[in-house]
């Protein structure tokens, strides 16, 4: 089961400790910062599944932080926490880009429930996007999910079924090291057998097709770990 990562941006240490304790007790991984500038830096440069954002922060106001996040292309769902509970303030927060608004003081269980709703929405949106996806592209490499054909620099590459599955996995995880165990379980559907050269054979064939002589190699071996599509 994947652990959801939450960034909590909250300057009140008592409230922050309560949030962290409650979320970690429910199985979340939580990072906490107590000011706007550091919170913005974390939100923009790191990968989180959700953010809890205090409305009034030192350094950068919560709504300004939201606007900057969105201008930087950050789409992480945000739950605004604020002592400003009148209707106009809630509307301002939601219009600024907040996905939900919870007034302080709040019950920790409600905070968790609202975050879980935001996470479910995000997973559904990601699934819907994946379902409508028909083409994967990485630099000069294209993979058509409908025709199951690949191209590099416009030149078609003939792939065997297993090579196609390996390449699809590598494109979806571009930039990440893919271990031999991951390849076995995702492509062949069973656990890694260190005594077989099955992966070596298929990777050798795939690399000859994807990285022919005279072009910049896209597939690299990570010594002792696996492979990466860079």
Protein backbone atom coordinates (compact mmCIF):
# COMPACT_ATOMS: atom_id res chain seq x y z
CA UNK A 1 0.00 0.00 0.00
CA UNK A 2 1.38 3.43 -0.94
CA UNK A 3 1.88 5.85 1.94
CA UNK A 4 0.43 9.30 1.24
CA UNK A 5 2.80 12.22 1.81
CA UNK A 6 1.37 15.37 3.36
CA UNK A 7 3.04 18.76 3.76
CA UNK A 8 1.75 20.72 6.75
CA UNK A 9 2.46 24.47 6.64
CA UNK A 10 1.47 25.79 10.06
CA UNK A 11 3.13 28.36 12.34
CA UNK A 12 1.24 27.40 15.52
CA UNK A 13 3.41 24.65 16.97
CA UNK A 14 0.66 23.20 19.17
CA UNK A 15 -1.73 22.83 16.23
CA UNK A 16 1.05 21.53 14.00
CA UNK A 17 2.04 18.87 16.52
CA UNK A 18 -1.59 17.80 16.80
CA UNK A 19 -1.90 17.54 13.00
CA UNK A 20 1.34 15.59 12.64
CA UNK A 21 0.46 13.23 15.48
CA UNK A 22 -3.02 12.54 14.08
CA UNK A 23 -1.89 12.03 10.48
CA UNK A 24 1.09 9.86 11.33
CA UNK A 25 -1.18 7.79 13.58
CA UNK A 26 -3.38 7.19 10.50
CA UNK A 27 -0.45 6.03 8.37
CA UNK A 28 0.44 9.27 6.58
CA UNK A 29 4.00 10.51 6.09
CA UNK A 30 4.10 14.16 7.21
CA UNK A 31 6.59 16.99 6.71
CA UNK A 32 6.01 20.16 8.74
CA UNK A 33 7.28 23.71 8.20
CA UNK A 34 6.29 26.77 10.24
CA UNK A 35 6.60 29.64 7.77
CA UNK A 36 5.46 30.69 4.30
CA UNK A 37 8.75 30.89 2.37
CA UNK A 38 9.93 27.44 3.43
CA UNK A 39 6.46 26.01 2.84
CA UNK A 40 6.39 27.43 -0.68
CA UNK A 41 9.85 26.03 -1.42
CA UNK A 42 8.79 22.56 -0.26
CA UNK A 43 5.48 22.68 -2.15
CA UNK A 44 7.17 23.65 -5.41
CA UNK A 45 10.24 21.42 -5.30
CA UNK A 46 9.01 18.26 -3.59
CA UNK A 47 6.27 15.74 -4.38
CA UNK A 48 3.32 15.63 -1.97
CA UNK A 49 -0.10 14.03 -2.22
CA UNK A 50 -1.78 16.80 -0.22
CA UNK A 51 -0.99 20.00 1.66
CA UNK A 52 -2.56 21.51 4.79
CA UNK A 53 -2.04 25.27 4.65
CA UNK A 54 -2.50 27.80 7.44
CA UNK A 55 -4.23 30.95 6.19
CA UNK A 56 -2.09 33.39 8.22
CA UNK A 57 1.64 32.65 7.94
CA UNK A 58 4.84 34.56 8.66
CA UNK A 59 6.79 35.56 5.56
CA UNK A 60 4.14 34.81 2.94
CA UNK A 61 0.38 34.93 3.42
CA UNK A 62 -1.38 31.62 2.74
CA UNK A 63 -3.36 32.96 -0.22
CA UNK A 64 -0.25 34.48 -1.79
CA UNK A 65 1.49 31.15 -1.31
CA UNK A 66 -1.38 29.40 -3.10
CA UNK A 67 -1.23 31.80 -6.03
CA UNK A 68 2.52 31.33 -6.39
CA UNK A 69 2.16 27.55 -6.23
CA UNK A 70 -0.38 27.55 -9.04
CA UNK A 71 1.66 29.90 -11.20
CA UNK A 72 4.53 27.42 -10.81
CA UNK A 73 2.27 24.60 -12.05
CA UNK A 74 1.85 22.81 -8.71
CA UNK A 75 -1.43 20.86 -8.71
CA UNK A 76 -1.20 19.28 -5.25
CA UNK A 77 -4.62 19.47 -3.48
CA UNK A 78 -4.64 22.00 -0.62
CA UNK A 79 -6.74 22.04 2.54
CA UNK A 80 -6.76 25.56 4.00
CA UNK A 81 -6.87 25.82 7.81
CA UNK A 82 -7.90 29.17 9.24
CA UNK A 83 -9.37 30.93 12.25
CA UNK A 84 -11.09 33.24 9.75
CA UNK A 85 -14.35 31.36 9.44
CA UNK A 86 -16.85 33.80 7.92
CA UNK A 87 -18.31 33.04 4.53
CA UNK A 88 -16.37 35.72 2.66
CA UNK A 89 -13.04 34.37 3.90
CA UNK A 90 -13.95 30.79 2.98
CA UNK A 91 -14.95 31.94 -0.50
CA UNK A 92 -11.66 33.88 -0.86
CA UNK A 93 -9.67 30.81 0.11
CA UNK A 94 -11.45 28.54 -2.33
CA UNK A 95 -11.26 31.07 -5.16
CA UNK A 96 -7.55 31.51 -4.53
CA UNK A 97 -7.07 27.85 -5.35
CA UNK A 98 -7.76 25.98 -2.14
CA UNK A 99 -9.51 22.64 -2.62
CA UNK A 100 -11.20 22.71 0.80
CA UNK A 101 -11.42 25.02 3.83
CA UNK A 102 -11.53 23.99 7.48
CA UNK A 103 -12.11 26.51 10.25
CA UNK A 104 -10.05 26.46 13.45
CA UNK A 105 -10.51 25.05 16.01
CA UNK A 106 -11.24 21.75 14.31
CA UNK A 107 -11.61 18.11 15.30
CA UNK A 108 -8.58 16.09 14.11
CA UNK A 109 -10.84 13.34 12.77
CA UNK A 110 -12.53 15.85 10.46
CA UNK A 111 -9.14 17.02 9.18
CA UNK A 112 -8.24 13.42 8.31
CA UNK A 113 -11.61 12.82 6.65
CA UNK A 114 -11.30 15.93 4.48
CA UNK A 115 -7.77 14.99 3.42
CA UNK A 116 -8.95 11.50 2.51
CA UNK A 117 -11.64 13.01 0.29
CA UNK A 118 -9.04 15.18 -1.48
CA UNK A 119 -6.78 12.18 -2.00
CA UNK A 120 -9.63 10.08 -3.43
CA UNK A 121 -10.46 12.88 -5.87
CA UNK A 122 -6.83 13.09 -6.94
CA UNK A 123 -6.57 9.34 -7.50
CA UNK A 124 -9.79 9.32 -9.54
CA UNK A 125 -8.55 12.21 -11.67
CA UNK A 126 -5.22 10.48 -12.25
CA UNK A 127 -6.99 7.25 -13.23
CA UNK A 128 -9.29 9.08 -15.64
CA UNK A 129 -6.34 10.83 -17.25
CA UNK A 130 -4.48 7.55 -17.59
CA UNK A 131 -7.53 5.91 -19.14
CA UNK A 132 -7.71 8.60 -21.87
CA UNK A 133 -3.98 8.57 -22.53
CA UNK A 134 -3.06 7.23 -25.96
CA UNK A 135 0.55 8.35 -26.44
CA UNK A 136 3.60 8.36 -24.17
CA UNK A 137 6.54 10.56 -25.16
CA UNK A 138 10.05 10.98 -23.77
CA UNK A 139 12.33 13.20 -25.82
CA UNK A 140 12.67 11.63 -29.29
CA UNK A 141 10.85 8.47 -28.17
CA UNK A 142 7.11 7.90 -28.72
CA UNK A 143 4.96 4.95 -27.69
CA UNK A 144 1.44 4.60 -29.10
CA UNK A 145 -0.72 2.76 -26.55
CA UNK A 146 -3.41 2.00 -29.12
CA UNK A 147 -1.34 0.58 -31.97
CA UNK A 148 1.38 -0.58 -29.51
CA UNK A 149 4.05 0.83 -31.82
CA UNK A 150 7.15 2.83 -30.94
CA UNK A 151 9.06 5.53 -32.82
CA UNK A 152 12.35 7.29 -32.28
CA UNK A 153 12.85 10.54 -34.17
CA UNK A 154 9.86 9.56 -36.30
CA UNK A 155 11.33 6.19 -37.31
CA UNK A 156 9.15 3.22 -36.42
CA UNK A 157 10.62 0.57 -34.11
CA UNK A 158 9.27 -2.97 -34.33
CA UNK A 159 8.83 -4.36 -30.81
CA UNK A 160 8.03 -7.83 -29.58
CA UNK A 161 5.19 -7.96 -27.00
CA UNK A 162 7.53 -8.32 -24.03
CA UNK A 163 9.78 -5.53 -25.30
CA UNK A 164 6.73 -3.30 -25.58
CA UNK A 165 5.74 -3.98 -21.96
CA UNK A 166 9.28 -3.28 -20.74
CA UNK A 167 9.46 -0.03 -22.69
CA UNK A 168 6.02 1.12 -21.50
CA UNK A 169 7.10 0.58 -17.89
CA UNK A 170 10.33 2.50 -18.43
CA UNK A 171 8.57 5.44 -20.08
CA UNK A 172 5.97 5.65 -17.32
CA UNK A 173 8.79 5.65 -14.75
CA UNK A 174 11.14 7.88 -16.74
CA UNK A 175 14.02 9.17 -14.65
CA UNK A 176 13.55 6.48 -11.99
CA UNK A 177 15.80 3.48 -11.50
CA UNK A 178 13.85 0.34 -12.37
CA UNK A 179 15.17 -2.69 -10.54
CA UNK A 180 15.28 -6.18 -11.95
CA UNK A 181 12.70 -7.19 -9.35
CA UNK A 182 10.33 -4.44 -10.54
CA UNK A 183 10.74 -5.60 -14.14
CA UNK A 184 10.04 -9.22 -13.31
CA UNK A 185 6.93 -8.46 -11.26
CA UNK A 186 5.48 -5.82 -13.62
CA UNK A 187 6.28 -7.46 -16.97
CA UNK A 188 6.41 -11.19 -16.29
CA UNK A 189 4.19 -11.28 -13.23
CA UNK A 190 6.34 -13.28 -10.87
CA UNK A 191 9.14 -12.71 -8.39
CA UNK A 192 12.73 -12.16 -9.42
CA UNK A 193 14.85 -15.26 -9.94
CA UNK A 194 18.50 -14.22 -9.65
CA UNK A 195 19.59 -17.33 -11.52
CA UNK A 196 18.00 -16.35 -14.84
CA UNK A 197 19.33 -14.08 -17.60
CA UNK A 198 15.83 -13.41 -18.96
CA UNK A 199 15.99 -9.67 -18.25
CA UNK A 200 19.51 -9.34 -19.68
CA UNK A 201 18.40 -10.91 -22.96
CA UNK A 202 15.33 -8.71 -23.37
CA UNK A 203 17.10 -5.51 -22.31
CA UNK A 204 19.93 -6.20 -24.75
CA UNK A 205 17.45 -6.59 -27.62
CA UNK A 206 15.47 -3.53 -26.58
CA UNK A 207 18.54 -1.33 -26.31
CA UNK A 208 19.68 -2.28 -29.81
CA UNK A 209 16.32 -1.11 -31.13
CA UNK A 210 15.92 2.04 -29.00
CA UNK A 211 19.57 3.14 -29.01
CA UNK A 212 21.09 2.21 -32.40
CA UNK A 213 24.66 3.30 -33.21
CA UNK A 214 25.12 7.03 -33.76
CA UNK A 215 22.34 8.30 -31.45
CA UNK A 216 22.42 9.45 -27.85
CA UNK A 217 21.59 6.45 -25.63
CA UNK A 218 18.33 6.77 -23.68
CA UNK A 219 18.57 3.56 -21.65
CA UNK A 220 21.32 3.40 -19.04
CA UNK A 221 22.41 0.63 -16.70
CA UNK A 222 22.56 1.58 -13.02
CA UNK A 223 25.30 -0.67 -11.70
CA UNK A 224 24.06 -2.99 -9.00
CA UNK A 225 20.50 -1.60 -9.19
CA UNK A 226 18.83 -1.94 -12.57
CA UNK A 227 18.05 0.35 -15.49
CA UNK A 228 16.89 3.90 -16.09
CA UNK A 229 15.35 5.70 -19.07
CA UNK A 230 16.98 9.13 -18.93
